[in-house]
Amino acid sequence: MRLGIFVGCFLAVWGLARVGFVPSSIGDANLAWVALLALVLSAPLSFVLLRKQRDEMSEQIVDRVAGAKARLADNRSQEDAADDAARAARS
């Protein structure tokens, strides 16, 4: 999605540069100049427009981490119980 926003900004800036609304280049760096302007425009746009997707992904990651921590705690308690049983059998 972020790439799509960048491509849209790139095409918009390129079109505006061709029309003469924005400066078309700095020296001979026409394509680099347009890409830089598109990057500067697309960064805040993607931050605002993709907030919902970013929040959903964050919730999924938090859920996965919580599940992994729970499994790790279960595994540790099983190991502790087996260790205690082995020590009790030796005594």
PDB file of N, CA and C in Angstrom:
ATOM      1  N   MET A   1       0.822  -1.196   0.000  1.00  0.00           N
ATOM      2  CA  MET A   1       0.000   0.000   0.000  1.00  0.00           C
ATOM      3  C   MET A   1       0.870   1.264   0.000  1.00  0.00           C
ATOM      4  N   ARG A   2       1.951   1.157   0.773  1.00  0.00           N
ATOM      5  CA  ARG A   2       2.856   2.301   0.841  1.00  0.00           C
ATOM      6  C   ARG A   2       3.497   2.574  -0.512  1.00  0.00           C
ATOM      7  N   LEU A   3       3.843   1.509  -1.196  1.00  0.00           N
ATOM      8  CA  LEU A   3       4.422   1.655  -2.530  1.00  0.00           C
ATOM      9  C   LEU A   3       3.415   2.277  -3.493  1.00  0.00           C
ATOM     10  N   GLY A   4       2.159   1.889  -3.378  1.00  0.00           N
ATOM     11  CA  GLY A   4       1.121   2.470  -4.223  1.00  0.00           C
ATOM     12  C   GLY A   4       0.964   3.966  -3.992  1.00  0.00           C
ATOM     13  N   ILE A   5       1.027   4.371  -2.737  1.00  0.00           N
ATOM     14  CA  ILE A   5       0.940   5.801  -2.419  1.00  0.00           C
ATOM     15  C   ILE A   5       2.141   6.532  -3.005  1.00  0.00           C
ATOM     16  N   PHE A   6       3.334   5.926  -2.902  1.00  0.00           N
ATOM     17  CA  PHE A   6       4.527   6.560  -3.464  1.00  0.00           C
ATOM     18  C   PHE A   6       4.412   6.685  -4.983  1.00  0.00           C
ATOM     19  N   VAL A   7       3.954   5.622  -5.646  1.00  0.00           N
ATOM     20  CA  VAL A   7       3.819   5.667  -7.106  1.00  0.00           C
ATOM     21  C   VAL A   7       2.804   6.735  -7.509  1.00  0.00           C
ATOM     22  N   GLY A   8       1.695   6.826  -6.779  1.00  0.00           N
ATOM     23  CA  GLY A   8       0.709   7.861  -7.061  1.00  0.00           C
ATOM     24  C   GLY A   8       1.290   9.259  -6.899  1.00  0.00           C
ATOM     25  N   CYS A   9       2.040   9.465  -5.828  1.00  0.00           N
ATOM     26  CA  CYS A   9       2.684  10.769  -5.617  1.00  0.00           C
ATOM     27  C   CYS A   9       3.718  11.040  -6.698  1.00  0.00           C
ATOM     28  N   PHE A  10       4.465  10.009  -7.083  1.00  0.00           N
ATOM     29  CA  PHE A  10       5.474  10.175  -8.126  1.00  0.00           C
ATOM     30  C   PHE A  10       4.832  10.623  -9.428  1.00  0.00           C
ATOM     31  N   LEU A  11       3.745   9.943  -9.798  1.00  0.00           N
ATOM     32  CA  LEU A  11       3.065  10.309 -11.042  1.00  0.00           C
ATOM     33  C   LEU A  11       2.465  11.712 -10.967  1.00  0.00           C
ATOM     34  N   ALA A  12       1.934  12.068  -9.806  1.00  0.00           N
ATOM     35  CA  ALA A  12       1.360  13.403  -9.643  1.00  0.00           C
ATOM     36  C   ALA A  12       2.450  14.478  -9.736  1.00  0.00           C
ATOM     37  N   VAL A  13       3.567  14.262  -9.062  1.00  0.00           N
ATOM     38  CA  VAL A  13       4.653  15.239  -9.102  1.00  0.00           C
ATOM     39  C   VAL A  13       5.249  15.306 -10.504  1.00  0.00           C
ATOM     40  N   TRP A  14       5.405  14.160 -11.148  1.00  0.00           N
ATOM     41  CA  TRP A  14       5.942  14.139 -12.515  1.00  0.00           C
ATOM     42  C   TRP A  14       5.029  14.926 -13.455  1.00  0.00           C
ATOM     43  N   GLY A  15       3.705  14.715 -13.310  1.00  0.00           N
ATOM     44  CA  GLY A  15       2.762  15.463 -14.137  1.00  0.00           C
ATOM     45  C   GLY A  15       2.815  16.954 -13.868  1.00  0.00           C
ATOM     46  N   LEU A  16       2.908  17.328 -12.598  1.00  0.00           N
ATOM     47  CA  LEU A  16       3.003  18.747 -12.251  1.00  0.00           C
ATOM     48  C   LEU A  16       4.315  19.360 -12.735  1.00  0.00           C
ATOM     49  N   ALA A  17       5.380  18.566 -12.740  1.00  0.00           N
ATOM     50  CA  ALA A  17       6.661  19.068 -13.251  1.00  0.00           C
ATOM     51  C   ALA A  17       6.605  19.246 -14.767  1.00  0.00           C
ATOM     52  N   ARG A  18       5.915  18.346 -15.456  1.00  0.00           N
ATOM     53  CA  ARG A  18       5.795  18.450 -16.913  1.00  0.00           C
ATOM     54  C   ARG A  18       4.979  19.680 -17.307  1.00  0.00           C
ATOM     55  N   VAL A  19       3.956  19.989 -16.498  1.00  0.00           N
ATOM     56  CA  VAL A  19       3.111  21.151 -16.767  1.00  0.00           C
ATOM     57  C   VAL A  19       3.833  22.444 -16.403  1.00  0.00           C
ATOM     58  N   GLY A  20       4.761  22.362 -15.451  1.00  0.00           N
ATOM     59  CA  GLY A  20       5.506  23.547 -15.034  1.00  0.00           C
ATOM     60  C   GLY A  20       5.023  24.120 -13.725  1.00  0.00           C
ATOM     61  N   PHE A  21       4.149  23.388 -13.017  1.00  0.00           N
ATOM     62  CA  PHE A  21       3.621  23.875 -11.745  1.00  0.00           C
ATOM     63  C   PHE A  21       4.671  23.789 -10.644  1.00  0.00           C
ATOM     64  N   VAL A  22       5.497  22.758 -10.673  1.00  0.00           N
ATOM     65  CA  VAL A  22       6.608  22.623  -9.724  1.00  0.00           C
ATOM     66  C   VAL A  22       7.894  22.627 -10.533  1.00  0.00           C
ATOM     67  N   PRO A  23       9.000  23.022  -9.928  1.00  0.00           N
ATOM     68  CA  PRO A  23      10.277  23.003 -10.668  1.00  0.00           C
ATOM     69  C   PRO A  23      10.572  21.599 -11.176  1.00  0.00           C
ATOM     70  N   SER A  24      10.986  21.503 -12.416  1.00  0.00           N
ATOM     71  CA  SER A  24      11.175  20.186 -13.021  1.00  0.00           C
ATOM     72  C   SER A  24      12.471  19.521 -12.602  1.00  0.00           C
ATOM     73  N   SER A  25      13.472  20.286 -12.175  1.00  0.00           N
ATOM     74  CA  SER A  25      14.719  19.640 -11.764  1.00  0.00           C
ATOM     75  C   SER A  25      15.633  20.621 -11.056  1.00  0.00           C
ATOM     76  N   ILE A  26      16.657  20.028 -10.466  1.00  0.00           N
ATOM     77  CA  ILE A  26      17.771  20.802  -9.935  1.00  0.00           C
ATOM     78  C   ILE A  26      18.961  20.372 -10.776  1.00  0.00           C
ATOM     79  N   GLY A  27      19.410  21.196 -11.663  1.00  0.00           N
ATOM     80  CA  GLY A  27      20.488  20.820 -12.574  1.00  0.00           C
ATOM     81  C   GLY A  27      19.996  19.762 -13.546  1.00  0.00           C
ATOM     82  N   ASP A  28      20.726  18.641 -13.616  1.00  0.00           N
ATOM     83  CA  ASP A  28      20.360  17.548 -14.516  1.00  0.00           C
ATOM     84  C   ASP A  28      19.625  16.417 -13.795  1.00  0.00           C
ATOM     85  N   ALA A  29      19.226  16.606 -12.557  1.00  0.00           N
ATOM     86  CA  ALA A  29      18.649  15.537 -11.747  1.00  0.00           C
ATOM     87  C   ALA A  29      17.124  15.539 -11.796  1.00  0.00           C
ATOM     88  N   ASN A  30      16.554  15.487 -12.977  1.00  0.00           N
ATOM     89  CA  ASN A  30      15.104  15.567 -13.114  1.00  0.00           C
ATOM     90  C   ASN A  30      14.401  14.399 -12.428  1.00  0.00           C
ATOM     91  N   LEU A  31      14.760  13.176 -12.765  1.00  0.00           N
ATOM     92  CA  LEU A  31      14.087  12.009 -12.204  1.00  0.00           C
ATOM     93  C   LEU A  31      14.329  11.896 -10.703  1.00  0.00           C
ATOM     94  N   ALA A  32      15.555  12.165 -10.271  1.00  0.00           N
ATOM     95  CA  ALA A  32      15.857  12.109  -8.843  1.00  0.00           C
ATOM     96  C   ALA A  32      15.085  13.188  -8.089  1.00  0.00           C
ATOM     97  N   TRP A  33      14.958  14.364  -8.675  1.00  0.00           N
ATOM     98  CA  TRP A  33      14.212  15.454  -8.050  1.00  0.00           C
ATOM     99  C   TRP A  33      12.737  15.086  -7.887  1.00  0.00           C
ATOM    100  N   VAL A  34      12.148  14.527  -8.916  1.00  0.00           N
ATOM    101  CA  VAL A  34      10.744  14.113  -8.857  1.00  0.00           C
ATOM    102  C   VAL A  34      10.574  13.008  -7.823  1.00  0.00           C
ATOM    103  N   ALA A  35      11.492  12.058  -7.777  1.00  0.00           N
ATOM    104  CA  ALA A  35      11.418  10.969  -6.793  1.00  0.00           C
ATOM    105  C   ALA A  35      11.539  11.505  -5.375  1.00  0.00           C
ATOM    106  N   LEU A  36      12.425  12.463  -5.164  1.00  0.00           N
ATOM    107  CA  LEU A  36      12.591  13.055  -3.841  1.00  0.00           C
ATOM    108  C   LEU A  36      11.329  13.792  -3.401  1.00  0.00           C
ATOM    109  N   LEU A  37      10.750  14.575  -4.290  1.00  0.00           N
ATOM    110  CA  LEU A  37       9.496  15.269  -3.959  1.00  0.00           C
ATOM    111  C   LEU A  37       8.379  14.265  -3.671  1.00  0.00           C
ATOM    112  N   ALA A  38       8.308  13.205  -4.461  1.00  0.00           N
ATOM    113  CA  ALA A  38       7.281  12.180  -4.244  1.00  0.00           C
ATOM    114  C   ALA A  38       7.483  11.497  -2.901  1.00  0.00           C
ATOM    115  N   LEU A  39       8.711  11.240  -2.526  1.00  0.00           N
ATOM    116  CA  LEU A  39       9.005  10.617  -1.234  1.00  0.00           C
ATOM    117  C   LEU A  39       8.593  11.522  -0.084  1.00  0.00           C
ATOM    118  N   VAL A  40       8.897  12.805  -0.214  1.00  0.00           N
ATOM    119  CA  VAL A  40       8.539  13.772   0.833  1.00  0.00           C
ATOM    120  C   VAL A  40       7.022  13.887   0.967  1.00  0.00           C
ATOM    121  N   LEU A  41       6.303  13.791  -0.127  1.00  0.00           N
ATOM    122  CA  LEU A  41       4.836  13.859  -0.076  1.00  0.00           C
ATOM    123  C   LEU A  41       4.210  12.555   0.398  1.00  0.00           C
ATOM    124  N   SER A  42       4.752  11.430  -0.027  1.00  0.00           N
ATOM    125  CA  SER A  42       4.122  10.147   0.288  1.00  0.00           C
ATOM    126  C   SER A  42       4.325   9.720   1.737  1.00  0.00           C
ATOM    127  N   ALA A  43       5.399  10.156   2.382  1.00  0.00           N
ATOM    128  CA  ALA A  43       5.654   9.750   3.760  1.00  0.00           C
ATOM    129  C   ALA A  43       4.537  10.189   4.713  1.00  0.00           C
ATOM    130  N   PRO A  44       4.188  11.468   4.774  1.00  0.00           N
ATOM    131  CA  PRO A  44       3.095  11.839   5.687  1.00  0.00           C
ATOM    132  C   PRO A  44       1.734  11.304   5.228  1.00  0.00           C
ATOM    133  N   LEU A  45       1.536  11.200   3.912  1.00  0.00           N
ATOM    134  CA  LEU A  45       0.276  10.645   3.431  1.00  0.00           C
ATOM    135  C   LEU A  45       0.103   9.197   3.871  1.00  0.00           C
ATOM    136  N   SER A  46       1.152   8.398   3.746  1.00  0.00           N
ATOM    137  CA  SER A  46       1.037   7.002   4.144  1.00  0.00           C
ATOM    138  C   SER A  46       0.873   6.889   5.653  1.00  0.00           C
ATOM    139  N   PHE A  47       1.490   7.783   6.406  1.00  0.00           N
ATOM    140  CA  PHE A  47       1.330   7.761   7.863  1.00  0.00           C
ATOM    141  C   PHE A  47      -0.126   7.980   8.248  1.00  0.00           C
ATOM    142  N   VAL A  48      -0.787   8.904   7.585  1.00  0.00           N
ATOM    143  CA  VAL A  48      -2.181   9.219   7.901  1.00  0.00           C
ATOM    144  C   VAL A  48      -3.139   8.195   7.280  1.00  0.00           C
ATOM    145  N   LEU A  49      -2.943   7.888   6.014  1.00  0.00           N
ATOM    146  CA  LEU A  49      -3.887   7.028   5.309  1.00  0.00           C
ATOM    147  C   LEU A  49      -3.816   5.557   5.727  1.00  0.00           C
ATOM    148  N   LEU A  50      -2.674   5.116   6.203  1.00  0.00           N
ATOM    149  CA  LEU A  50      -2.517   3.705   6.556  1.00  0.00           C
ATOM    150  C   LEU A  50      -2.552   3.462   8.058  1.00  0.00           C
ATOM    151  N   ARG A  51      -3.077   4.414   8.816  1.00  0.00           N
ATOM    152  CA  ARG A  51      -3.134   4.272  10.269  1.00  0.00           C
ATOM    153  C   ARG A  51      -3.960   3.060  10.691  1.00  0.00           C
ATOM    154  N   LYS A  52      -5.097   2.845  10.063  1.00  0.00           N
ATOM    155  CA  LYS A  52      -5.965   1.724  10.429  1.00  0.00           C
ATOM    156  C   LYS A  52      -5.248   0.395  10.219  1.00  0.00           C
ATOM    157  N   GLN A  53      -4.601   0.229   9.074  1.00  0.00           N
ATOM    158  CA  GLN A  53      -3.884  -1.011   8.794  1.00  0.00           C
ATOM    159  C   GLN A  53      -2.714  -1.203   9.762  1.00  0.00           C
ATOM    160  N   ARG A  54      -2.026  -0.117  10.106  1.00  0.00           N
ATOM    161  CA  ARG A  54      -0.910  -0.198  11.043  1.00  0.00           C
ATOM    162  C   ARG A  54      -1.400  -0.620  12.427  1.00  0.00           C
ATOM    163  N   ASP A  55      -2.538  -0.087  12.869  1.00  0.00           N
ATOM    164  CA  ASP A  55      -3.087  -0.466  14.169  1.00  0.00           C
ATOM    165  C   ASP A  55      -3.530  -1.924  14.186  1.00  0.00           C
ATOM    166  N   GLU A  56      -4.162  -2.389  13.106  1.00  0.00           N
ATOM    167  CA  GLU A  56      -4.572  -3.791  13.025  1.00  0.00           C
ATOM    168  C   GLU A  56      -3.366  -4.721  13.062  1.00  0.00           C
ATOM    169  N   MET A  57      -2.319  -4.370  12.340  1.00  0.00           N
ATOM    170  CA  MET A  57      -1.112  -5.196  12.333  1.00  0.00           C
ATOM    171  C   MET A  57      -0.461  -5.211  13.711  1.00  0.00           C
ATOM    172  N   SER A  58      -0.485  -4.087  14.394  1.00  0.00           N
ATOM    173  CA  SER A  58       0.082  -4.011  15.730  1.00  0.00           C
ATOM    174  C   SER A  58      -0.675  -4.925  16.692  1.00  0.00           C
ATOM    175  N   GLU A  59      -2.000  -4.952  16.590  1.00  0.00           N
ATOM    176  CA  GLU A  59      -2.795  -5.838  17.443  1.00  0.00           C
ATOM    177  C   GLU A  59      -2.473  -7.299  17.158  1.00  0.00           C
ATOM    178  N   GLN A  60      -2.304  -7.655  15.892  1.00  0.00           N
ATOM    179  CA  GLN A  60      -1.957  -9.035  15.548  1.00  0.00           C
ATOM    180  C   GLN A  60      -0.598  -9.418  16.124  1.00  0.00           C
ATOM    181  N   ILE A  61       0.347  -8.505  16.057  1.00  0.00           N
ATOM    182  CA  ILE A  61       1.681  -8.790  16.588  1.00  0.00           C
ATOM    183  C   ILE A  61       1.632  -8.947  18.098  1.00  0.00           C
ATOM    184  N   VAL A  62       0.866  -8.089  18.772  1.00  0.00           N
ATOM    185  CA  VAL A  62       0.741  -8.186  20.224  1.00  0.00           C
ATOM    186  C   VAL A  62       0.112  -9.522  20.608  1.00  0.00           C
ATOM    187  N   ASP A  63      -0.910  -9.951  19.878  1.00  0.00           N
ATOM    188  CA  ASP A  63      -1.548 -11.238  20.158  1.00  0.00           C
ATOM    189  C   ASP A  63      -0.575 -12.396  19.959  1.00  0.00           C
ATOM    190  N   ARG A  64       0.210 -12.346  18.896  1.00  0.00           N
ATOM    191  CA  ARG A  64       1.185 -13.412  18.638  1.00  0.00           C
ATOM    192  C   ARG A  64       2.256 -13.462  19.722  1.00  0.00           C
ATOM    193  N   VAL A  65       2.732 -12.302  20.151  1.00  0.00           N
ATOM    194  CA  VAL A  65       3.755 -12.257  21.195  1.00  0.00           C
ATOM    195  C   VAL A  65       3.186 -12.780  22.508  1.00  0.00           C
ATOM    196  N   ALA A  66       1.957 -12.417  22.826  1.00  0.00           N
ATOM    197  CA  ALA A  66       1.337 -12.901  24.054  1.00  0.00           C
ATOM    198  C   ALA A  66       1.178 -14.425  24.002  1.00  0.00           C
ATOM    199  N   GLY A  67       0.790 -14.956  22.858  1.00  0.00           N
ATOM    200  CA  GLY A  67       0.668 -16.411  22.714  1.00  0.00           C
ATOM    201  C   GLY A  67       2.005 -17.104  22.851  1.00  0.00           C
ATOM    202  N   ALA A  68       3.040 -16.525  22.262  1.00  0.00           N
ATOM    203  CA  ALA A  68       4.379 -17.110  22.368  1.00  0.00           C
ATOM    204  C   ALA A  68       4.866 -17.080  23.814  1.00  0.00           C
ATOM    205  N   LYS A  69       4.604 -15.994  24.515  1.00  0.00           N
ATOM    206  CA  LYS A  69       5.005 -15.913  25.920  1.00  0.00           C
ATOM    207  C   LYS A  69       4.261 -16.942  26.764  1.00  0.00           C
ATOM    208  N   ALA A  70       2.977 -17.155  26.487  1.00  0.00           N
ATOM    209  CA  ALA A  70       2.202 -18.150  27.221  1.00  0.00           C
ATOM    210  C   ALA A  70       2.739 -19.555  26.957  1.00  0.00           C
ATOM    211  N   ARG A  71       3.056 -19.870  25.704  1.00  0.00           N
ATOM    212  CA  ARG A  71       3.616 -21.188  25.388  1.00  0.00           C
ATOM    213  C   ARG A  71       4.974 -21.386  26.060  1.00  0.00           C
ATOM    214  N   LEU A  72       5.782 -20.345  26.082  1.00  0.00           N
ATOM    215  CA  LEU A  72       7.085 -20.422  26.728  1.00  0.00           C
ATOM    216  C   LEU A  72       6.931 -20.666  28.226  1.00  0.00           C
ATOM    217  N   ALA A  73       5.995 -19.981  28.855  1.00  0.00           N
ATOM    218  CA  ALA A  73       5.754 -20.177  30.286  1.00  0.00           C
ATOM    219  C   ALA A  73       5.260 -21.597  30.564  1.00  0.00           C
ATOM    220  N   ASP A  74       4.386 -22.115  29.694  1.00  0.00           N
ATOM    221  CA  ASP A  74       3.914 -23.497  29.850  1.00  0.00           C
ATOM    222  C   ASP A  74       5.066 -24.487  29.728  1.00  0.00           C
ATOM    223  N   ASN A  75       5.928 -24.278  28.751  1.00  0.00           N
ATOM    224  CA  ASN A  75       7.078 -25.162  28.567  1.00  0.00           C
ATOM    225  C   ASN A  75       8.021 -25.105  29.761  1.00  0.00           C
ATOM    226  N   ARG A  76       8.224 -23.927  30.299  1.00  0.00           N
ATOM    227  CA  ARG A  76       9.096 -23.800  31.472  1.00  0.00           C
ATOM    228  C   ARG A  76       8.504 -24.523  32.674  1.00  0.00           C
ATOM    229  N   SER A  77       7.193 -24.410  32.867  1.00  0.00           N
ATOM    230  CA  SER A  77       6.578 -25.078  34.021  1.00  0.00           C
ATOM    231  C   SER A  77       6.626 -26.594  33.854  1.00  0.00           C
ATOM    232  N   GLN A  78       6.503 -27.091  32.618  1.00  0.00           N
ATOM    233  CA  GLN A  78       6.611 -28.538  32.381  1.00  0.00           C
ATOM    234  C   GLN A  78       8.025 -29.015  32.673  1.00  0.00           C
ATOM    235  N   GLU A  79       9.011 -28.245  32.260  1.00  0.00           N
ATOM    236  CA  GLU A  79      10.402 -28.619  32.527  1.00  0.00           C
ATOM    237  C   GLU A  79      10.688 -28.599  34.017  1.00  0.00           C
ATOM    238  N   ASP A  80      10.138 -27.599  34.715  1.00  0.00           N
ATOM    239  CA  ASP A  80      10.348 -27.524  36.155  1.00  0.00           C
ATOM    240  C   ASP A  80       9.702 -28.721  36.857  1.00  0.00           C
ATOM    241  N   ALA A  81       8.525 -29.120  36.441  1.00  0.00           N
ATOM    242  CA  ALA A  81       7.839 -30.255  37.048  1.00  0.00           C
ATOM    243  C   ALA A  81       8.616 -31.541  36.773  1.00  0.00           C
ATOM    244  N   ALA A  82       9.115 -31.724  35.590  1.00  0.00           N
ATOM    245  CA  ALA A  82       9.909 -32.928  35.278  1.00  0.00           C
ATOM    246  C   ALA A  82      11.202 -32.937  36.053  1.00  0.00           C
ATOM    247  N   ASP A  83      11.830 -31.788  36.224  1.00  0.00           N
ATOM    248  CA  ASP A  83      13.071 -31.683  36.982  1.00  0.00           C
ATOM    249  C   ASP A  83      12.822 -32.004  38.457  1.00  0.00           C
ATOM    250  N   ASP A  84      11.730 -31.470  39.003  1.00  0.00           N
ATOM    251  CA  ASP A  84      11.406 -31.745  40.404  1.00  0.00           C
ATOM    252  C   ASP A  84      11.116 -33.214  40.606  1.00  0.00           C
ATOM    253  N   ALA A  85      10.416 -33.848  39.681  1.00  0.00           N
ATOM    254  CA  ALA A  85      10.119 -35.279  39.792  1.00  0.00           C
ATOM    255  C   ALA A  85      11.395 -36.106  39.724  1.00  0.00           C
ATOM    256  N   ALA A  86      12.317 -35.743  38.871  1.00  0.00           N
ATOM    257  CA  ALA A  86      13.579 -36.467  38.753  1.00  0.00           C
ATOM    258  C   ALA A  86      14.408 -36.314  40.023  1.00  0.00           C
ATOM    259  N   ARG A  87      14.421 -35.148  40.608  1.00  0.00           N
ATOM    260  CA  ARG A  87      15.174 -34.942  41.843  1.00  0.00           C
ATOM    261  C   ARG A  87      14.531 -35.708  43.012  1.00  0.00           C
ATOM    262  N   ALA A  88      13.199 -35.755  43.029  1.00  0.00           N
ATOM    263  CA  ALA A  88      12.517 -36.485  44.094  1.00  0.00           C
ATOM    264  C   ALA A  88      12.784 -37.984  43.971  1.00  0.00           C
ATOM    265  N   ALA A  89      12.899 -38.475  42.750  1.00  0.00           N
ATOM    266  CA  ALA A  89      13.154 -39.901  42.547  1.00  0.00           C
ATOM    267  C   ALA A  89      14.568 -40.269  42.983  1.00  0.00           C
ATOM    268  N   ARG A  90      15.524 -39.367  42.855  1.00  0.00           N
ATOM    269  CA  ARG A  90      16.906 -39.649  43.261  1.00  0.00           C
ATOM    270  C   ARG A  90      17.069 -39.634  44.769  1.00  0.00           C
ATOM    271  N   SER A  91      16.254 -38.897  45.458  1.00  0.00           N
ATOM    272  CA  SER A  91      16.408 -38.755  46.917  1.00  0.00           C
ATOM    273  C   SER A  91      15.857 -39.890  47.692  1.00  0.00           C
TER     274      SER A  91
END
